[in-house]
Amino acid sequence: MEPLEERPKGIVKRIAVLMASAHGNSKEHLIYMKRLSVFALFVVFATSLVAVSPIVAAAQTPAAPKPAAPAAQKPAAAAAPVPMAKIAVITFQAAVTQTNEFQRDAADLQKKYDPRRVQIKALSDDIDNLTKQAQNPQLSDAERASRARAIDEKKKKLDRDTQDAQTDFQTDMQQIINDVAGKVGEVMSDYAEKHGYTLVLDAGDQQTQTVLYAVPAMDITKEIIEAYNTKSGIPAPAQQAPGQGDLDAPQPQLQPSPAH
């Protein structure tokens, strides 16, 4: 097969041969040969363009950019040193209930429920008197039955009133405990941070029994009570008079506030 650049020359030679053989022929042959010559020149020009186009295109194609070098990795930050463990224990419920603020608020709550306590005591005394009267042998059967019905109704009322009073009292007491416990927890957290404690355990938790033994020097209950009383500025309340507090206070589950 002929190379691409040789093809135009071969075409020209063939045209020249045809022109020579046509010399001396008719006028129509001469016109035909001239047209053929023009066509041959056009073919040569077009073929040259085809041969040159790939070279020009290759020269115009930009070179592929080199890949960028990977960025240098920063060295990993050094891990923070782990502080030495320093542990303390606290009887948190005692710390809350022995603060001056809690003692004051609890005393005020007792006074709030004194009227209901008096009503319950009077109803209980009335039942006792009716019970004694019903035992009188001189009463008729009808009177004795009437006293029994009255006693039964009063006992039901006494149970309802006592239960309602205890529920309301415990709800109010729990609110006081939660308010004071949250503030005691904040004081405990600040105290532990200032004194370098890394862990404070509740030695008074009767459900989980987290602390089974701790030396007295680890107990910071007294220190937290004193720190709280100093911060609150509330003086110690007067001692409660005997006979008050017949309504049982709840035994709440106290949780200190999380450390900030």
C-alpha atoms as a PDB file:
ATOM      1  CA  MET A   1       0.000   0.000   0.000  1.00  0.00           C
ATOM      2  CA  GLU A   2       1.342   3.475  -0.984  1.00  0.00           C
ATOM      3  CA  PRO A   3       2.207   5.980   1.759  1.00  0.00           C
ATOM      4  CA  LEU A   4      -0.219   8.818   2.256  1.00  0.00           C
ATOM      5  CA  GLU A   5       2.218  11.499   1.066  1.00  0.00           C
ATOM      6  CA  GLU A   6       2.966   9.557  -2.193  1.00  0.00           C
ATOM      7  CA  ARG A   7      -0.642   9.382  -3.306  1.00  0.00           C
ATOM      8  CA  PRO A   8      -0.901  12.989  -4.677  1.00  0.00           C
ATOM      9  CA  LYS A   9       2.243  12.506  -6.809  1.00  0.00           C
ATOM     10  CA  GLY A  10       0.816   9.303  -8.300  1.00  0.00           C
ATOM     11  CA  ILE A  11      -2.404  11.014  -9.136  1.00  0.00           C
ATOM     12  CA  VAL A  12      -0.565  13.824 -10.911  1.00  0.00           C
ATOM     13  CA  LYS A  13       1.474  11.361 -12.963  1.00  0.00           C
ATOM     14  CA  ARG A  14      -1.624   9.515 -14.062  1.00  0.00           C
ATOM     15  CA  ILE A  15      -3.232  12.785 -15.068  1.00  0.00           C
ATOM     16  CA  ALA A  16      -0.165  13.740 -17.088  1.00  0.00           C
ATOM     17  CA  VAL A  17      -0.271  10.401 -18.964  1.00  0.00           C
ATOM     18  CA  LEU A  18      -3.890  10.892 -19.785  1.00  0.00           C
ATOM     19  CA  MET A  19      -3.156  14.388 -21.041  1.00  0.00           C
ATOM     20  CA  ALA A  20      -0.368  13.155 -23.277  1.00  0.00           C
ATOM     21  CA  SER A  21      -2.505  10.431 -24.802  1.00  0.00           C
ATOM     22  CA  ALA A  22      -5.206  12.920 -25.473  1.00  0.00           C
ATOM     23  CA  HIS A  23      -2.879  15.307 -27.404  1.00  0.00           C
ATOM     24  CA  GLY A  24      -4.187  15.908 -30.894  1.00  0.00           C
ATOM     25  CA  ASN A  25      -7.649  14.645 -30.085  1.00  0.00           C
ATOM     26  CA  SER A  26     -10.800  16.604 -30.297  1.00  0.00           C
ATOM     27  CA  LYS A  27     -11.647  19.817 -28.529  1.00  0.00           C
ATOM     28  CA  GLU A  28     -13.949  17.978 -26.106  1.00  0.00           C
ATOM     29  CA  HIS A  29     -11.073  15.896 -24.909  1.00  0.00           C
ATOM     30  CA  LEU A  30      -8.997  18.991 -24.241  1.00  0.00           C
ATOM     31  CA  ILE A  31     -11.734  20.561 -22.094  1.00  0.00           C
ATOM     32  CA  TYR A  32     -12.127  17.325 -20.182  1.00  0.00           C
ATOM     33  CA  MET A  33      -8.405  17.144 -19.478  1.00  0.00           C
ATOM     34  CA  LYS A  34      -8.318  20.708 -18.128  1.00  0.00           C
ATOM     35  CA  ARG A  35     -11.153  19.923 -15.715  1.00  0.00           C
ATOM     36  CA  LEU A  36      -9.354  16.784 -14.666  1.00  0.00           C
ATOM     37  CA  SER A  37      -6.213  18.785 -13.910  1.00  0.00           C
ATOM     38  CA  VAL A  38      -8.105  21.169 -11.666  1.00  0.00           C
ATOM     39  CA  PHE A  39      -9.685  18.231  -9.818  1.00  0.00           C
ATOM     40  CA  ALA A  40      -6.239  16.662  -9.346  1.00  0.00           C
ATOM     41  CA  LEU A  41      -4.884  19.827  -7.764  1.00  0.00           C
ATOM     42  CA  PHE A  42      -7.874  19.944  -5.375  1.00  0.00           C
ATOM     43  CA  VAL A  43      -7.266  16.341  -4.320  1.00  0.00           C
ATOM     44  CA  VAL A  44      -3.596  17.056  -3.633  1.00  0.00           C
ATOM     45  CA  PHE A  45      -4.504  20.059  -1.444  1.00  0.00           C
ATOM     46  CA  ALA A  46      -7.153  18.170   0.536  1.00  0.00           C
ATOM     47  CA  THR A  47      -4.864  15.212   1.143  1.00  0.00           C
ATOM     48  CA  SER A  48      -2.151  17.495   2.466  1.00  0.00           C
ATOM     49  CA  LEU A  49      -4.587  19.002   4.950  1.00  0.00           C
ATOM     50  CA  VAL A  50      -5.575  15.546   6.214  1.00  0.00           C
ATOM     51  CA  ALA A  51      -1.953  14.594   6.756  1.00  0.00           C
ATOM     52  CA  VAL A  52      -1.086  17.813   8.583  1.00  0.00           C
ATOM     53  CA  SER A  53      -4.227  18.074  10.849  1.00  0.00           C
ATOM     54  CA  PRO A  54      -3.201  15.368  13.383  1.00  0.00           C
ATOM     55  CA  ILE A  55       0.219  16.995  13.813  1.00  0.00           C
ATOM     56  CA  VAL A  56      -1.327  20.450  14.450  1.00  0.00           C
ATOM     57  CA  ALA A  57      -3.894  18.992  16.856  1.00  0.00           C
ATOM     58  CA  ALA A  58      -1.202  17.191  18.782  1.00  0.00           C
ATOM     59  CA  ALA A  59       0.823  20.386  19.060  1.00  0.00           C
ATOM     60  CA  GLN A  60      -2.208  22.331  20.388  1.00  0.00           C
ATOM     61  CA  THR A  61      -3.192  19.749  23.085  1.00  0.00           C
ATOM     62  CA  PRO A  62      -2.016  21.051  26.494  1.00  0.00           C
ATOM     63  CA  ALA A  63       0.137  18.794  28.601  1.00  0.00           C
ATOM     64  CA  ALA A  64      -1.591  17.041  31.505  1.00  0.00           C
ATOM     65  CA  PRO A  65      -0.864  18.821  34.814  1.00  0.00           C
ATOM     66  CA  LYS A  66       1.354  17.012  37.272  1.00  0.00           C
ATOM     67  CA  PRO A  67      -0.411  15.703  40.377  1.00  0.00           C
ATOM     68  CA  ALA A  68       0.012  17.936  43.375  1.00  0.00           C
ATOM     69  CA  ALA A  69       2.212  16.672  46.121  1.00  0.00           C
ATOM     70  CA  PRO A  70       0.244  15.409  49.165  1.00  0.00           C
ATOM     71  CA  ALA A  71      -0.055  17.903  51.990  1.00  0.00           C
ATOM     72  CA  ALA A  72       2.106  17.205  54.956  1.00  0.00           C
ATOM     73  CA  GLN A  73       0.092  15.695  57.821  1.00  0.00           C
ATOM     74  CA  LYS A  74       0.043  17.563  61.108  1.00  0.00           C
ATOM     75  CA  PRO A  75       1.406  15.614  64.042  1.00  0.00           C
ATOM     76  CA  ALA A  76      -1.272  14.231  66.362  1.00  0.00           C
ATOM     77  CA  ALA A  77      -1.941  16.327  69.449  1.00  0.00           C
ATOM     78  CA  ALA A  78      -0.520  14.924  72.610  1.00  0.00           C
ATOM     79  CA  ALA A  79      -3.101  13.301  74.905  1.00  0.00           C
ATOM     80  CA  ALA A  80      -4.016  15.270  78.023  1.00  0.00           C
ATOM     81  CA  PRO A  81      -2.367  13.868  81.116  1.00  0.00           C
ATOM     82  CA  VAL A  82      -4.635  11.859  83.403  1.00  0.00           C
ATOM     83  CA  PRO A  83      -4.819  13.497  86.860  1.00  0.00           C
ATOM     84  CA  MET A  84      -3.986  11.516  89.948  1.00  0.00           C
ATOM     85  CA  ALA A  85      -7.084  10.054  91.577  1.00  0.00           C
ATOM     86  CA  LYS A  86      -8.263  11.791  94.755  1.00  0.00           C
ATOM     87  CA  ILE A  87     -11.497  10.365  96.142  1.00  0.00           C
ATOM     88  CA  ALA A  88     -13.918  11.680  98.757  1.00  0.00           C
ATOM     89  CA  VAL A  89     -17.187  10.375 100.171  1.00  0.00           C
ATOM     90  CA  ILE A  90     -20.279  12.238 101.323  1.00  0.00           C
ATOM     91  CA  THR A  91     -23.556  11.293 102.988  1.00  0.00           C
ATOM     92  CA  PHE A  92     -25.520  13.464 100.626  1.00  0.00           C
ATOM     93  CA  GLN A  93     -28.954  13.147 102.193  1.00  0.00           C
ATOM     94  CA  ALA A  94     -27.575  14.122 105.590  1.00  0.00           C
ATOM     95  CA  ALA A  95     -25.729  17.035 104.005  1.00  0.00           C
ATOM     96  CA  VAL A  96     -29.021  18.331 102.599  1.00  0.00           C
ATOM     97  CA  THR A  97     -31.269  17.817 105.625  1.00  0.00           C
ATOM     98  CA  GLN A  98     -28.732  19.242 108.096  1.00  0.00           C
ATOM     99  CA  THR A  99     -28.312  22.570 106.343  1.00  0.00           C
ATOM    100  CA  ASN A 100     -29.815  25.603 108.029  1.00  0.00           C
ATOM    101  CA  GLU A 101     -31.944  26.347 104.988  1.00  0.00           C
ATOM    102  CA  PHE A 102     -33.569  22.916 104.965  1.00  0.00           C
ATOM    103  CA  GLN A 103     -34.145  22.983 108.732  1.00  0.00           C
ATOM    104  CA  ARG A 104     -35.829  26.391 108.448  1.00  0.00           C
ATOM    105  CA  ASP A 105     -38.036  25.400 105.484  1.00  0.00           C
ATOM    106  CA  ALA A 106     -38.994  22.097 107.104  1.00  0.00           C
ATOM    107  CA  ALA A 107     -40.037  23.919 110.293  1.00  0.00           C
ATOM    108  CA  ASP A 108     -42.141  26.340 108.243  1.00  0.00           C
ATOM    109  CA  LEU A 109     -43.794  23.404 106.510  1.00  0.00           C
ATOM    110  CA  GLN A 110     -44.693  21.843 109.850  1.00  0.00           C
ATOM    111  CA  LYS A 111     -46.373  25.066 110.889  1.00  0.00           C
ATOM    112  CA  LYS A 112     -48.296  25.135 107.608  1.00  0.00           C
ATOM    113  CA  TYR A 113     -49.808  21.735 108.357  1.00  0.00           C
ATOM    114  CA  ASP A 114     -50.531  22.367 112.054  1.00  0.00           C
ATOM    115  CA  PRO A 115     -54.241  23.194 111.437  1.00  0.00           C
ATOM    116  CA  ARG A 116     -54.815  19.962 109.531  1.00  0.00           C
ATOM    117  CA  ARG A 117     -52.924  18.058 112.214  1.00  0.00           C
ATOM    118  CA  VAL A 118     -55.219  19.519 114.863  1.00  0.00           C
ATOM    119  CA  GLN A 119     -58.327  18.531 112.876  1.00  0.00           C
ATOM    120  CA  ILE A 120     -57.089  14.966 112.478  1.00  0.00           C
ATOM    121  CA  LYS A 121     -56.297  14.764 116.198  1.00  0.00           C
ATOM    122  CA  ALA A 122     -59.787  16.030 117.106  1.00  0.00           C
ATOM    123  CA  LEU A 123     -61.470  13.502 114.825  1.00  0.00           C
ATOM    124  CA  SER A 124     -59.409  10.687 116.296  1.00  0.00           C
ATOM    125  CA  ASP A 125     -60.393  11.751 119.824  1.00  0.00           C
ATOM    126  CA  ASP A 126     -64.063  11.859 118.798  1.00  0.00           C
ATOM    127  CA  ILE A 127     -63.849   8.287 117.547  1.00  0.00           C
ATOM    128  CA  ASP A 128     -62.297   7.162 120.802  1.00  0.00           C
ATOM    129  CA  ASN A 129     -65.122   8.781 122.808  1.00  0.00           C
ATOM    130  CA  LEU A 130     -67.830   7.253 120.644  1.00  0.00           C
ATOM    131  CA  THR A 131     -66.187   3.847 120.958  1.00  0.00           C
ATOM    132  CA  LYS A 132     -66.262   4.104 124.758  1.00  0.00           C
ATOM    133  CA  GLN A 133     -69.912   5.220 124.721  1.00  0.00           C
ATOM    134  CA  ALA A 134     -70.887   2.322 122.512  1.00  0.00           C
ATOM    135  CA  GLN A 135     -69.609  -0.050 125.199  1.00  0.00           C
ATOM    136  CA  ASN A 136     -72.167   1.244 127.734  1.00  0.00           C
ATOM    137  CA  PRO A 137     -74.371  -1.693 128.660  1.00  0.00           C
ATOM    138  CA  GLN A 138     -77.350   0.608 129.298  1.00  0.00           C
ATOM    139  CA  LEU A 139     -77.643   1.474 125.590  1.00  0.00           C
ATOM    140  CA  SER A 140     -80.363  -0.145 123.623  1.00  0.00           C
ATOM    141  CA  ASP A 141     -79.542  -2.221 120.602  1.00  0.00           C
ATOM    142  CA  ALA A 142     -80.753   0.535 118.313  1.00  0.00           C
ATOM    143  CA  GLU A 143     -78.571   3.159 120.042  1.00  0.00           C
ATOM    144  CA  ARG A 144     -75.575   0.842 119.991  1.00  0.00           C
ATOM    145  CA  ALA A 145     -76.072   0.179 116.252  1.00  0.00           C
ATOM    146  CA  SER A 146     -76.376   3.912 115.613  1.00  0.00           C
ATOM    147  CA  ARG A 147     -73.138   4.596 117.493  1.00  0.00           C
ATOM    148  CA  ALA A 148     -71.390   1.846 115.515  1.00  0.00           C
ATOM    149  CA  ARG A 149     -72.450   3.372 112.199  1.00  0.00           C
ATOM    150  CA  ALA A 150     -71.267   6.813 113.293  1.00  0.00           C
ATOM    151  CA  ILE A 151     -67.931   5.391 114.428  1.00  0.00           C
ATOM    152  CA  ASP A 152     -67.468   3.581 111.101  1.00  0.00           C
ATOM    153  CA  GLU A 153     -68.149   6.738 109.086  1.00  0.00           C
ATOM    154  CA  LYS A 154     -65.781   8.804 111.227  1.00  0.00           C
ATOM    155  CA  LYS A 155     -63.032   6.188 110.877  1.00  0.00           C
ATOM    156  CA  LYS A 156     -63.342   6.295 107.098  1.00  0.00           C
ATOM    157  CA  LYS A 157     -63.151  10.088 107.179  1.00  0.00           C
ATOM    158  CA  LEU A 158     -60.134   9.916 109.478  1.00  0.00           C
ATOM    159  CA  ASP A 159     -58.350   7.572 107.081  1.00  0.00           C
ATOM    160  CA  ARG A 160     -59.099   9.825 104.102  1.00  0.00           C
ATOM    161  CA  ASP A 161     -58.053  13.020 105.867  1.00  0.00           C
ATOM    162  CA  THR A 162     -54.867  11.445 107.208  1.00  0.00           C
ATOM    163  CA  GLN A 163     -53.904  10.031 103.815  1.00  0.00           C
ATOM    164  CA  ASP A 164     -54.591  13.320 102.040  1.00  0.00           C
ATOM    165  CA  ALA A 165     -52.623  15.300 104.602  1.00  0.00           C
ATOM    166  CA  GLN A 166     -49.639  12.951 104.417  1.00  0.00           C
ATOM    167  CA  THR A 167     -49.648  12.997 100.594  1.00  0.00           C
ATOM    168  CA  ASP A 168     -49.777  16.792 100.455  1.00  0.00           C
ATOM    169  CA  PHE A 169     -47.151  17.103 103.167  1.00  0.00           C
ATOM    170  CA  GLN A 170     -44.763  14.719 101.422  1.00  0.00           C
ATOM    171  CA  THR A 171     -45.223  16.503  98.097  1.00  0.00           C
ATOM    172  CA  ASP A 172     -44.339  19.848  99.652  1.00  0.00           C
ATOM    173  CA  MET A 173     -41.438  18.305 101.568  1.00  0.00           C
ATOM    174  CA  GLN A 174     -40.053  16.697  98.417  1.00  0.00           C
ATOM    175  CA  GLN A 175     -40.111  20.073  96.690  1.00  0.00           C
ATOM    176  CA  ILE A 176     -38.085  21.605  99.520  1.00  0.00           C
ATOM    177  CA  ILE A 177     -35.612  18.734  99.408  1.00  0.00           C
ATOM    178  CA  ASN A 178     -35.146  18.994  95.645  1.00  0.00           C
ATOM    179  CA  ASP A 179     -34.530  22.747  95.812  1.00  0.00           C
ATOM    180  CA  VAL A 180     -31.939  22.480  98.577  1.00  0.00           C
ATOM    181  CA  ALA A 181     -30.328  19.348  97.111  1.00  0.00           C
ATOM    182  CA  GLY A 182     -29.657  21.094  93.810  1.00  0.00           C
ATOM    183  CA  LYS A 183     -27.839  23.944  95.551  1.00  0.00           C
ATOM    184  CA  VAL A 184     -25.933  21.610  97.876  1.00  0.00           C
ATOM    185  CA  GLY A 185     -24.779  19.676  94.802  1.00  0.00           C
ATOM    186  CA  GLU A 186     -23.340  22.858  93.304  1.00  0.00           C
ATOM    187  CA  VAL A 187     -21.468  23.662  96.522  1.00  0.00           C
ATOM    188  CA  MET A 188     -20.122  20.112  96.644  1.00  0.00           C
ATOM    189  CA  SER A 189     -18.888  20.322  93.043  1.00  0.00           C
ATOM    190  CA  ASP A 190     -17.111  23.639  93.679  1.00  0.00           C
ATOM    191  CA  TYR A 191     -15.560  22.292  96.878  1.00  0.00           C
ATOM    192  CA  ALA A 192     -14.308  19.139  95.138  1.00  0.00           C
ATOM    193  CA  GLU A 193     -12.800  21.128  92.281  1.00  0.00           C
ATOM    194  CA  LYS A 194     -11.010  23.578  94.565  1.00  0.00           C
ATOM    195  CA  HIS A 195      -9.577  20.768  96.703  1.00  0.00           C
ATOM    196  CA  GLY A 196      -8.480  18.608  93.798  1.00  0.00           C
ATOM    197  CA  TYR A 197     -10.943  15.739  94.210  1.00  0.00           C
ATOM    198  CA  THR A 198     -11.425  13.702  91.037  1.00  0.00           C
ATOM    199  CA  LEU A 199     -14.295  11.571  92.372  1.00  0.00           C
ATOM    200  CA  VAL A 200     -16.950  12.005  95.099  1.00  0.00           C
ATOM    201  CA  LEU A 201     -19.029   8.970  96.118  1.00  0.00           C
ATOM    202  CA  ASP A 202     -22.338   8.991  98.012  1.00  0.00           C
ATOM    203  CA  ALA A 203     -21.826   6.897 101.129  1.00  0.00           C
ATOM    204  CA  GLY A 204     -25.462   7.303 102.176  1.00  0.00           C
ATOM    205  CA  ASP A 205     -27.037   5.633  99.130  1.00  0.00           C
ATOM    206  CA  GLN A 206     -28.885   2.684 100.670  1.00  0.00           C
ATOM    207  CA  GLN A 207     -30.043   1.248  97.347  1.00  0.00           C
ATOM    208  CA  THR A 208     -26.803   0.742  95.452  1.00  0.00           C
ATOM    209  CA  GLN A 209     -24.389   0.542  98.392  1.00  0.00           C
ATOM    210  CA  THR A 210     -21.633   2.199  96.400  1.00  0.00           C
ATOM    211  CA  VAL A 211     -19.319   2.698  99.376  1.00  0.00           C
ATOM    212  CA  LEU A 212     -18.781  -0.211 101.765  1.00  0.00           C
ATOM    213  CA  TYR A 213     -15.860   1.300 103.655  1.00  0.00           C
ATOM    214  CA  ALA A 214     -14.029   4.608 103.777  1.00  0.00           C
ATOM    215  CA  VAL A 215     -11.670   6.123 106.321  1.00  0.00           C
ATOM    216  CA  PRO A 216     -13.162   9.115 108.190  1.00  0.00           C
ATOM    217  CA  ALA A 217     -10.628  11.462 106.621  1.00  0.00           C
ATOM    218  CA  MET A 218     -12.297  10.931 103.226  1.00  0.00           C
ATOM    219  CA  ASP A 219     -15.741  12.078 104.467  1.00  0.00           C
ATOM    220  CA  ILE A 220     -16.485  15.671 103.441  1.00  0.00           C
ATOM    221  CA  THR A 221     -20.124  15.774 104.616  1.00  0.00           C
ATOM    222  CA  LYS A 222     -19.450  18.190 107.483  1.00  0.00           C
ATOM    223  CA  GLU A 223     -17.327  20.457 105.299  1.00  0.00           C
ATOM    224  CA  ILE A 224     -20.070  20.692 102.673  1.00  0.00           C
ATOM    225  CA  ILE A 225     -22.724  21.549 105.300  1.00  0.00           C
ATOM    226  CA  GLU A 226     -20.550  24.312 106.724  1.00  0.00           C
ATOM    227  CA  ALA A 227     -19.685  25.655 103.273  1.00  0.00           C
ATOM    228  CA  TYR A 228     -23.351  25.714 102.300  1.00  0.00           C
ATOM    229  CA  ASN A 229     -24.454  27.467 105.488  1.00  0.00           C
ATOM    230  CA  THR A 230     -21.743  30.069 104.970  1.00  0.00           C
ATOM    231  CA  LYS A 231     -22.797  30.684 101.369  1.00  0.00           C
ATOM    232  CA  SER A 232     -26.535  30.857 102.126  1.00  0.00           C
ATOM    233  CA  GLY A 233     -26.110  33.093 105.165  1.00  0.00           C
ATOM    234  CA  ILE A 234     -29.136  31.472 106.850  1.00  0.00           C
ATOM    235  CA  PRO A 235     -28.786  31.081 110.621  1.00  0.00           C
ATOM    236  CA  ALA A 236     -29.646  27.876 112.442  1.00  0.00           C
ATOM    237  CA  PRO A 237     -33.394  27.712 113.256  1.00  0.00           C
ATOM    238  CA  ALA A 238     -34.791  27.341 116.747  1.00  0.00           C
ATOM    239  CA  GLN A 239     -35.266  23.822 118.059  1.00  0.00           C
ATOM    240  CA  GLN A 240     -38.626  22.262 117.231  1.00  0.00           C
ATOM    241  CA  ALA A 241     -41.010  21.967 120.171  1.00  0.00           C
ATOM    242  CA  PRO A 242     -41.897  18.455 121.388  1.00  0.00           C
ATOM    243  CA  GLY A 243     -45.043  16.982 119.882  1.00  0.00           C
ATOM    244  CA  GLN A 244     -44.628  18.605 116.488  1.00  0.00           C
ATOM    245  CA  GLY A 245     -43.911  16.705 113.306  1.00  0.00           C
ATOM    246  CA  ASP A 246     -46.428  13.868 113.722  1.00  0.00           C
ATOM    247  CA  LEU A 247     -46.872  13.729 109.947  1.00  0.00           C
ATOM    248  CA  ASP A 248     -44.047  11.613 108.624  1.00  0.00           C
ATOM    249  CA  ALA A 249     -41.707  13.281 106.179  1.00  0.00           C
ATOM    250  CA  PRO A 250     -40.783  11.303 103.050  1.00  0.00           C
ATOM    251  CA  GLN A 251     -37.554   9.429 102.629  1.00  0.00           C
ATOM    252  CA  PRO A 252     -36.498  10.942  99.290  1.00  0.00           C
ATOM    253  CA  GLN A 253     -33.874   9.725  96.879  1.00  0.00           C
ATOM    254  CA  LEU A 254     -31.463  12.611  96.695  1.00  0.00           C
ATOM    255  CA  GLN A 255     -29.292  13.199  93.666  1.00  0.00           C
ATOM    256  CA  PRO A 256     -26.642  15.934  93.646  1.00  0.00           C
ATOM    257  CA  SER A 257     -26.438  18.289  90.711  1.00  0.00           C
ATOM    258  CA  PRO A 258     -23.897  17.265  88.039  1.00  0.00           C
ATOM    259  CA  ALA A 259     -20.518  18.916  88.163  1.00  0.00           C
ATOM    260  CA  HIS A 260     -20.096  21.942  85.865  1.00  0.00           C
END
